[in-house]
Amino acid sequence: MAGPKVQDLQGSVIYVDVGTGDARPLRVSDFGGGAPPPFQSLTNATAAGPGTVWNPGGTFATWAMQVAYSGTPTALVVALDLSINGTDWSEAARWELGVNTSGDIISVYPIPATRARARVVTITGTGVSVSAWLAVV
């Protein structure tokens, strides 16, 4: 009887085929599909407040948000809010003018949640509007 196969998978959660002994990282697709497509939570928002809530259809631990704006902002802050129950929200990350630029993507891991939304915290300037897209891995 041959000994177990050893593979360096760098701390990944692994799947081991009991027939062959082969190991490989466990993928989202092993659970019936990949991640859903990105979702637009804010569309040309001009005032502070939450965007549309996204339910990607499962519990995910890696979340990302891309923010783009137009106009000339003097202050702009967009929060990535996460929720497990869809009622109570927790701010997981912030995109901030001066730290980030239009088109930048911020991400958080590992924060398990079932729903997400972008939320405009602060928006000032001339002709400013902001949009935000959410993604999970």
N, C-alpha and C. Protein backbone atom coordinates (compact mmCIF):
# COMPACT_ATOMS: atom_id res chain seq x y z
N MET A 1 0.84 -1.17 0.00
CA MET A 1 0.00 0.00 0.00
C MET A 1 0.88 1.23 0.00
N ALA A 2 0.59 2.13 -0.92
CA ALA A 2 1.37 3.35 -1.05
C ALA A 2 1.01 4.32 0.07
N GLY A 3 1.97 5.15 0.44
CA GLY A 3 1.73 6.16 1.46
C GLY A 3 0.91 7.31 0.91
N PRO A 4 0.46 8.22 1.79
CA PRO A 4 -0.36 9.35 1.33
C PRO A 4 0.47 10.29 0.45
N LYS A 5 -0.21 10.89 -0.51
CA LYS A 5 0.43 11.89 -1.36
C LYS A 5 0.50 13.20 -0.58
N VAL A 6 1.59 13.90 -0.70
CA VAL A 6 1.76 15.17 0.00
C VAL A 6 1.90 16.27 -1.05
N GLN A 7 1.07 17.30 -0.92
CA GLN A 7 1.13 18.44 -1.82
C GLN A 7 1.06 19.71 -0.99
N ASP A 8 1.86 20.70 -1.37
CA ASP A 8 1.82 21.98 -0.69
C ASP A 8 0.73 22.83 -1.33
N LEU A 9 -0.37 23.02 -0.62
CA LEU A 9 -1.48 23.81 -1.14
C LEU A 9 -1.60 25.14 -0.41
N GLN A 10 -0.58 25.55 0.27
CA GLN A 10 -0.43 26.87 0.89
C GLN A 10 -1.60 27.28 1.75
N GLY A 11 -2.02 26.41 2.65
CA GLY A 11 -3.06 26.76 3.61
C GLY A 11 -4.46 26.74 3.07
N SER A 12 -4.68 26.24 1.86
CA SER A 12 -6.01 26.17 1.28
C SER A 12 -6.86 25.13 1.99
N VAL A 13 -8.17 25.32 1.93
CA VAL A 13 -9.09 24.25 2.30
C VAL A 13 -9.02 23.28 1.14
N ILE A 14 -8.83 21.99 1.44
CA ILE A 14 -8.57 21.06 0.34
C ILE A 14 -9.63 19.98 0.22
N TYR A 15 -9.70 19.44 -0.98
CA TYR A 15 -10.53 18.29 -1.29
C TYR A 15 -9.57 17.16 -1.60
N VAL A 16 -9.79 16.00 -0.99
CA VAL A 16 -8.95 14.83 -1.26
C VAL A 16 -9.83 13.75 -1.90
N ASP A 17 -9.46 13.33 -3.10
CA ASP A 17 -10.17 12.25 -3.79
C ASP A 17 -9.81 10.95 -3.08
N VAL A 18 -10.80 10.29 -2.48
CA VAL A 18 -10.52 9.09 -1.71
C VAL A 18 -10.06 7.94 -2.58
N GLY A 19 -10.39 7.96 -3.88
CA GLY A 19 -9.97 6.90 -4.79
C GLY A 19 -8.51 7.00 -5.17
N THR A 20 -8.07 8.22 -5.50
CA THR A 20 -6.70 8.41 -5.98
C THR A 20 -5.77 8.99 -4.93
N GLY A 21 -6.33 9.63 -3.93
CA GLY A 21 -5.50 10.30 -2.93
C GLY A 21 -5.04 11.68 -3.37
N ASP A 22 -5.44 12.10 -4.59
CA ASP A 22 -5.06 13.42 -5.08
C ASP A 22 -5.75 14.51 -4.26
N ALA A 23 -5.05 15.58 -4.02
CA ALA A 23 -5.59 16.72 -3.27
C ALA A 23 -5.54 17.96 -4.15
N ARG A 24 -6.52 18.81 -3.98
CA ARG A 24 -6.55 20.09 -4.68
C ARG A 24 -7.33 21.08 -3.84
N PRO A 25 -7.11 22.39 -4.06
CA PRO A 25 -7.89 23.38 -3.31
C PRO A 25 -9.38 23.23 -3.60
N LEU A 26 -10.19 23.46 -2.59
CA LEU A 26 -11.63 23.42 -2.74
C LEU A 26 -12.08 24.73 -3.39
N ARG A 27 -12.91 24.63 -4.43
CA ARG A 27 -13.36 25.81 -5.17
C ARG A 27 -14.85 26.05 -4.93
N VAL A 28 -15.27 27.31 -5.12
CA VAL A 28 -16.68 27.64 -5.01
C VAL A 28 -17.49 26.79 -5.96
N SER A 29 -16.96 26.51 -7.14
CA SER A 29 -17.69 25.74 -8.15
C SER A 29 -17.96 24.30 -7.68
N ASP A 30 -17.24 23.82 -6.66
CA ASP A 30 -17.51 22.49 -6.12
C ASP A 30 -18.86 22.42 -5.43
N PHE A 31 -19.45 23.57 -5.17
CA PHE A 31 -20.74 23.62 -4.48
C PHE A 31 -21.88 23.98 -5.42
N GLY A 32 -21.76 23.65 -6.68
CA GLY A 32 -22.86 23.84 -7.60
C GLY A 32 -22.82 25.14 -8.37
N GLY A 33 -21.69 25.73 -8.57
CA GLY A 33 -21.62 26.94 -9.38
C GLY A 33 -20.59 27.89 -8.83
N GLY A 34 -20.33 28.91 -9.59
CA GLY A 34 -19.37 29.92 -9.19
C GLY A 34 -20.07 31.09 -8.51
N ALA A 35 -19.35 32.14 -8.33
CA ALA A 35 -19.90 33.34 -7.72
C ALA A 35 -20.87 34.00 -8.70
N PRO A 36 -21.89 34.67 -8.17
CA PRO A 36 -22.82 35.38 -9.05
C PRO A 36 -22.14 36.59 -9.69
N PRO A 37 -22.72 37.13 -10.76
CA PRO A 37 -22.12 38.31 -11.39
C PRO A 37 -22.19 39.52 -10.46
N PRO A 38 -21.36 40.53 -10.69
CA PRO A 38 -21.40 41.75 -9.87
C PRO A 38 -22.79 42.41 -9.90
N PHE A 39 -23.04 43.23 -8.90
CA PHE A 39 -24.34 43.86 -8.71
C PHE A 39 -24.13 45.36 -8.49
N GLN A 40 -24.93 46.19 -9.14
CA GLN A 40 -24.82 47.64 -8.94
C GLN A 40 -25.77 48.06 -7.82
N SER A 41 -25.20 48.52 -6.72
CA SER A 41 -25.97 48.94 -5.55
C SER A 41 -26.29 50.43 -5.58
N LEU A 42 -25.39 51.25 -6.11
CA LEU A 42 -25.62 52.69 -6.26
C LEU A 42 -25.52 53.06 -7.73
N THR A 43 -26.45 53.86 -8.19
CA THR A 43 -26.43 54.34 -9.58
C THR A 43 -26.59 55.86 -9.58
N ASN A 44 -25.51 56.56 -9.81
CA ASN A 44 -25.52 58.03 -9.89
C ASN A 44 -26.18 58.68 -8.67
N ALA A 45 -25.84 58.20 -7.47
CA ALA A 45 -26.38 58.76 -6.24
C ALA A 45 -25.84 60.17 -6.01
N THR A 46 -26.70 61.06 -5.52
CA THR A 46 -26.31 62.45 -5.28
C THR A 46 -26.51 62.87 -3.83
N ALA A 47 -26.98 61.96 -2.98
CA ALA A 47 -27.22 62.27 -1.57
C ALA A 47 -26.77 61.10 -0.71
N ALA A 48 -26.54 61.39 0.57
CA ALA A 48 -26.16 60.34 1.52
C ALA A 48 -27.32 59.37 1.71
N GLY A 49 -26.97 58.09 1.92
CA GLY A 49 -27.98 57.07 2.18
C GLY A 49 -27.58 55.74 1.59
N PRO A 50 -28.33 54.68 1.96
CA PRO A 50 -27.99 53.33 1.48
C PRO A 50 -28.44 53.10 0.05
N GLY A 51 -27.69 52.23 -0.64
CA GLY A 51 -28.05 51.80 -1.97
C GLY A 51 -28.94 50.56 -1.90
N THR A 52 -29.16 49.96 -3.04
CA THR A 52 -29.98 48.76 -3.14
C THR A 52 -29.27 47.58 -2.49
N VAL A 53 -30.02 46.82 -1.70
CA VAL A 53 -29.48 45.64 -1.02
C VAL A 53 -29.31 44.51 -2.02
N TRP A 54 -28.18 43.80 -1.91
CA TRP A 54 -27.89 42.65 -2.77
C TRP A 54 -27.88 41.38 -1.95
N ASN A 55 -28.64 40.39 -2.41
CA ASN A 55 -28.61 39.05 -1.84
C ASN A 55 -28.03 38.13 -2.91
N PRO A 56 -26.73 37.79 -2.82
CA PRO A 56 -26.10 36.98 -3.87
C PRO A 56 -26.46 35.49 -3.83
N GLY A 57 -27.32 35.09 -2.90
CA GLY A 57 -27.79 33.71 -2.90
C GLY A 57 -26.95 32.74 -2.10
N GLY A 58 -26.37 33.18 -1.03
CA GLY A 58 -25.58 32.29 -0.18
C GLY A 58 -24.79 33.09 0.83
N THR A 59 -23.98 32.41 1.59
CA THR A 59 -23.09 33.06 2.55
C THR A 59 -21.71 33.13 1.93
N PHE A 60 -21.16 34.34 1.86
CA PHE A 60 -19.83 34.56 1.29
C PHE A 60 -18.98 35.27 2.32
N ALA A 61 -17.66 35.09 2.24
CA ALA A 61 -16.75 35.71 3.21
C ALA A 61 -15.82 36.74 2.58
N THR A 62 -15.74 36.78 1.24
CA THR A 62 -14.90 37.77 0.57
C THR A 62 -15.80 38.69 -0.25
N TRP A 63 -15.76 39.97 0.06
CA TRP A 63 -16.63 40.97 -0.56
C TRP A 63 -15.77 42.08 -1.15
N ALA A 64 -16.22 42.62 -2.28
CA ALA A 64 -15.50 43.73 -2.92
C ALA A 64 -16.49 44.80 -3.36
N MET A 65 -16.01 46.02 -3.44
CA MET A 65 -16.82 47.14 -3.90
C MET A 65 -15.97 48.04 -4.79
N GLN A 66 -16.49 48.37 -5.97
CA GLN A 66 -15.83 49.31 -6.87
C GLN A 66 -16.68 50.58 -6.91
N VAL A 67 -16.03 51.72 -6.77
CA VAL A 67 -16.72 53.01 -6.72
C VAL A 67 -16.21 53.89 -7.85
N ALA A 68 -17.15 54.54 -8.54
CA ALA A 68 -16.81 55.51 -9.59
C ALA A 68 -17.68 56.74 -9.39
N TYR A 69 -17.10 57.92 -9.64
CA TYR A 69 -17.88 59.14 -9.47
C TYR A 69 -17.66 60.06 -10.66
N SER A 70 -18.58 61.03 -10.79
CA SER A 70 -18.42 62.10 -11.77
C SER A 70 -18.61 63.41 -11.03
N GLY A 71 -18.20 64.50 -11.67
CA GLY A 71 -18.26 65.80 -11.03
C GLY A 71 -16.97 66.12 -10.31
N THR A 72 -17.03 67.13 -9.46
CA THR A 72 -15.85 67.57 -8.71
C THR A 72 -16.14 67.49 -7.21
N PRO A 73 -15.86 66.34 -6.61
CA PRO A 73 -16.16 66.20 -5.19
C PRO A 73 -15.13 66.92 -4.32
N THR A 74 -15.60 67.43 -3.18
CA THR A 74 -14.69 67.95 -2.16
C THR A 74 -14.58 66.94 -1.02
N ALA A 75 -15.63 66.16 -0.84
CA ALA A 75 -15.63 65.06 0.14
C ALA A 75 -16.56 63.97 -0.39
N LEU A 76 -16.07 62.73 -0.35
CA LEU A 76 -16.87 61.60 -0.80
C LEU A 76 -16.44 60.35 -0.04
N VAL A 77 -17.39 59.74 0.65
CA VAL A 77 -17.14 58.51 1.39
C VAL A 77 -18.28 57.54 1.09
N VAL A 78 -17.92 56.32 0.69
CA VAL A 78 -18.90 55.27 0.42
C VAL A 78 -18.52 54.06 1.27
N ALA A 79 -19.49 53.56 2.03
CA ALA A 79 -19.26 52.41 2.90
C ALA A 79 -19.77 51.13 2.24
N LEU A 80 -19.09 50.04 2.53
CA LEU A 80 -19.56 48.71 2.18
C LEU A 80 -20.16 48.12 3.45
N ASP A 81 -21.49 47.96 3.45
CA ASP A 81 -22.20 47.42 4.60
C ASP A 81 -22.54 45.95 4.35
N LEU A 82 -22.41 45.12 5.38
CA LEU A 82 -22.73 43.69 5.27
C LEU A 82 -23.75 43.30 6.34
N SER A 83 -24.52 42.25 6.04
CA SER A 83 -25.53 41.77 6.97
C SER A 83 -25.66 40.25 6.84
N ILE A 84 -25.95 39.60 7.93
CA ILE A 84 -26.28 38.18 7.89
C ILE A 84 -27.79 38.00 7.80
N ASN A 85 -28.54 38.82 8.54
CA ASN A 85 -30.00 38.63 8.59
C ASN A 85 -30.78 39.56 7.67
N GLY A 86 -30.11 40.51 7.01
CA GLY A 86 -30.79 41.42 6.09
C GLY A 86 -31.47 42.60 6.78
N THR A 87 -31.37 42.65 8.10
CA THR A 87 -31.99 43.73 8.87
C THR A 87 -30.95 44.59 9.58
N ASP A 88 -30.00 43.92 10.22
CA ASP A 88 -28.95 44.61 10.97
C ASP A 88 -27.70 44.70 10.10
N TRP A 89 -27.13 45.91 9.99
CA TRP A 89 -26.01 46.15 9.08
C TRP A 89 -24.76 46.53 9.84
N SER A 90 -23.61 46.13 9.28
CA SER A 90 -22.31 46.45 9.86
C SER A 90 -21.42 47.02 8.76
N GLU A 91 -20.80 48.15 9.04
CA GLU A 91 -19.88 48.73 8.07
C GLU A 91 -18.60 47.90 8.06
N ALA A 92 -18.28 47.31 6.90
CA ALA A 92 -17.12 46.43 6.78
C ALA A 92 -15.90 47.14 6.20
N ALA A 93 -16.12 48.15 5.38
CA ALA A 93 -15.00 48.86 4.73
C ALA A 93 -15.50 50.20 4.23
N ARG A 94 -14.52 51.09 3.91
CA ARG A 94 -14.85 52.41 3.37
C ARG A 94 -13.98 52.75 2.17
N TRP A 95 -14.60 53.33 1.17
CA TRP A 95 -13.90 53.96 0.04
C TRP A 95 -13.95 55.45 0.35
N GLU A 96 -12.77 56.11 0.37
CA GLU A 96 -12.71 57.52 0.74
C GLU A 96 -11.91 58.33 -0.27
N LEU A 97 -12.50 59.45 -0.72
CA LEU A 97 -11.80 60.38 -1.60
C LEU A 97 -10.54 60.87 -0.89
N GLY A 98 -9.43 60.87 -1.59
CA GLY A 98 -8.15 61.25 -0.99
C GLY A 98 -7.31 60.04 -0.65
N VAL A 99 -7.98 58.93 -0.33
CA VAL A 99 -7.31 57.65 -0.12
C VAL A 99 -7.45 56.80 -1.36
N ASN A 100 -8.66 56.83 -1.93
CA ASN A 100 -8.97 56.06 -3.13
C ASN A 100 -9.29 57.00 -4.27
N THR A 101 -9.24 56.50 -5.50
CA THR A 101 -9.61 57.28 -6.67
C THR A 101 -10.76 56.59 -7.39
N SER A 102 -11.41 57.32 -8.28
CA SER A 102 -12.55 56.78 -9.01
C SER A 102 -12.14 55.50 -9.75
N GLY A 103 -12.91 54.45 -9.57
CA GLY A 103 -12.62 53.16 -10.19
C GLY A 103 -11.90 52.19 -9.29
N ASP A 104 -11.40 52.66 -8.15
CA ASP A 104 -10.70 51.76 -7.22
C ASP A 104 -11.65 50.71 -6.65
N ILE A 105 -11.07 49.54 -6.36
CA ILE A 105 -11.81 48.45 -5.74
C ILE A 105 -11.25 48.23 -4.35
N ILE A 106 -12.16 48.16 -3.36
CA ILE A 106 -11.76 47.79 -2.00
C ILE A 106 -12.37 46.43 -1.71
N SER A 107 -11.73 45.67 -0.82
CA SER A 107 -12.28 44.36 -0.50
C SER A 107 -12.05 44.03 0.97
N VAL A 108 -12.87 43.09 1.47
CA VAL A 108 -12.74 42.63 2.85
C VAL A 108 -12.83 41.11 2.88
N TYR A 109 -12.08 40.52 3.82
CA TYR A 109 -12.07 39.07 4.02
C TYR A 109 -11.51 38.81 5.41
N PRO A 110 -11.92 37.85 6.15
CA PRO A 110 -13.10 37.01 6.00
C PRO A 110 -14.24 37.54 6.87
N ILE A 111 -15.28 38.03 6.25
CA ILE A 111 -16.47 38.47 6.97
C ILE A 111 -17.67 37.74 6.36
N PRO A 112 -18.13 36.67 6.98
CA PRO A 112 -19.27 35.95 6.42
C PRO A 112 -20.54 36.78 6.51
N ALA A 113 -21.25 36.87 5.40
CA ALA A 113 -22.50 37.62 5.34
C ALA A 113 -23.34 37.08 4.19
N THR A 114 -24.63 37.40 4.22
CA THR A 114 -25.54 36.95 3.17
C THR A 114 -26.04 38.09 2.30
N ARG A 115 -25.85 39.32 2.75
CA ARG A 115 -26.33 40.48 2.00
C ARG A 115 -25.32 41.62 2.11
N ALA A 116 -25.36 42.50 1.10
CA ALA A 116 -24.45 43.65 1.08
C ALA A 116 -25.16 44.84 0.45
N ARG A 117 -24.64 46.00 0.75
CA ARG A 117 -25.10 47.23 0.10
C ARG A 117 -23.97 48.25 0.16
N ALA A 118 -23.97 49.14 -0.80
CA ALA A 118 -23.11 50.32 -0.74
C ALA A 118 -23.94 51.42 -0.07
N ARG A 119 -23.25 52.28 0.67
CA ARG A 119 -23.95 53.37 1.36
C ARG A 119 -23.13 54.64 1.25
N VAL A 120 -23.75 55.70 0.72
CA VAL A 120 -23.08 57.00 0.66
C VAL A 120 -23.10 57.60 2.05
N VAL A 121 -21.92 57.83 2.61
CA VAL A 121 -21.78 58.41 3.94
C VAL A 121 -21.70 59.93 3.83
N THR A 122 -20.85 60.40 2.92
CA THR A 122 -20.63 61.83 2.71
C THR A 122 -20.50 62.09 1.22
N ILE A 123 -21.17 63.15 0.74
CA ILE A 123 -21.02 63.55 -0.65
C ILE A 123 -21.21 65.06 -0.75
N THR A 124 -20.12 65.76 -1.08
CA THR A 124 -20.18 67.21 -1.28
C THR A 124 -19.32 67.56 -2.48
N GLY A 125 -19.61 68.71 -3.07
CA GLY A 125 -18.85 69.17 -4.22
C GLY A 125 -19.79 69.69 -5.29
N THR A 126 -19.24 69.83 -6.50
CA THR A 126 -20.00 70.38 -7.61
C THR A 126 -20.38 69.29 -8.59
N GLY A 127 -21.69 69.12 -8.79
CA GLY A 127 -22.18 68.14 -9.76
C GLY A 127 -21.74 66.71 -9.50
N VAL A 128 -21.65 66.33 -8.23
CA VAL A 128 -21.11 65.02 -7.88
C VAL A 128 -22.22 63.96 -7.87
N SER A 129 -21.94 62.83 -8.51
CA SER A 129 -22.77 61.64 -8.39
C SER A 129 -21.84 60.44 -8.29
N VAL A 130 -22.32 59.40 -7.64
CA VAL A 130 -21.47 58.24 -7.38
C VAL A 130 -22.23 56.96 -7.67
N SER A 131 -21.53 55.98 -8.21
CA SER A 131 -22.07 54.65 -8.46
C SER A 131 -21.15 53.63 -7.80
N ALA A 132 -21.73 52.48 -7.41
CA ALA A 132 -20.94 51.45 -6.74
C ALA A 132 -21.45 50.07 -7.15
N TRP A 133 -20.50 49.17 -7.41
CA TRP A 133 -20.78 47.79 -7.78
C TRP A 133 -20.20 46.87 -6.73
N LEU A 134 -20.91 45.78 -6.44
CA LEU A 134 -20.48 44.82 -5.43
C LEU A 134 -20.18 43.47 -6.09
N ALA A 135 -19.24 42.74 -5.49
CA ALA A 135 -18.89 41.40 -5.99
C ALA A 135 -18.50 40.52 -4.81
N VAL A 136 -18.66 39.22 -5.02
CA VAL A 136 -18.22 38.22 -4.04
C VAL A 136 -17.35 37.19 -4.74
N VAL A 137 -16.54 36.50 -3.96
CA VAL A 137 -15.70 35.44 -4.50
C VAL A 137 -16.06 34.15 -3.79
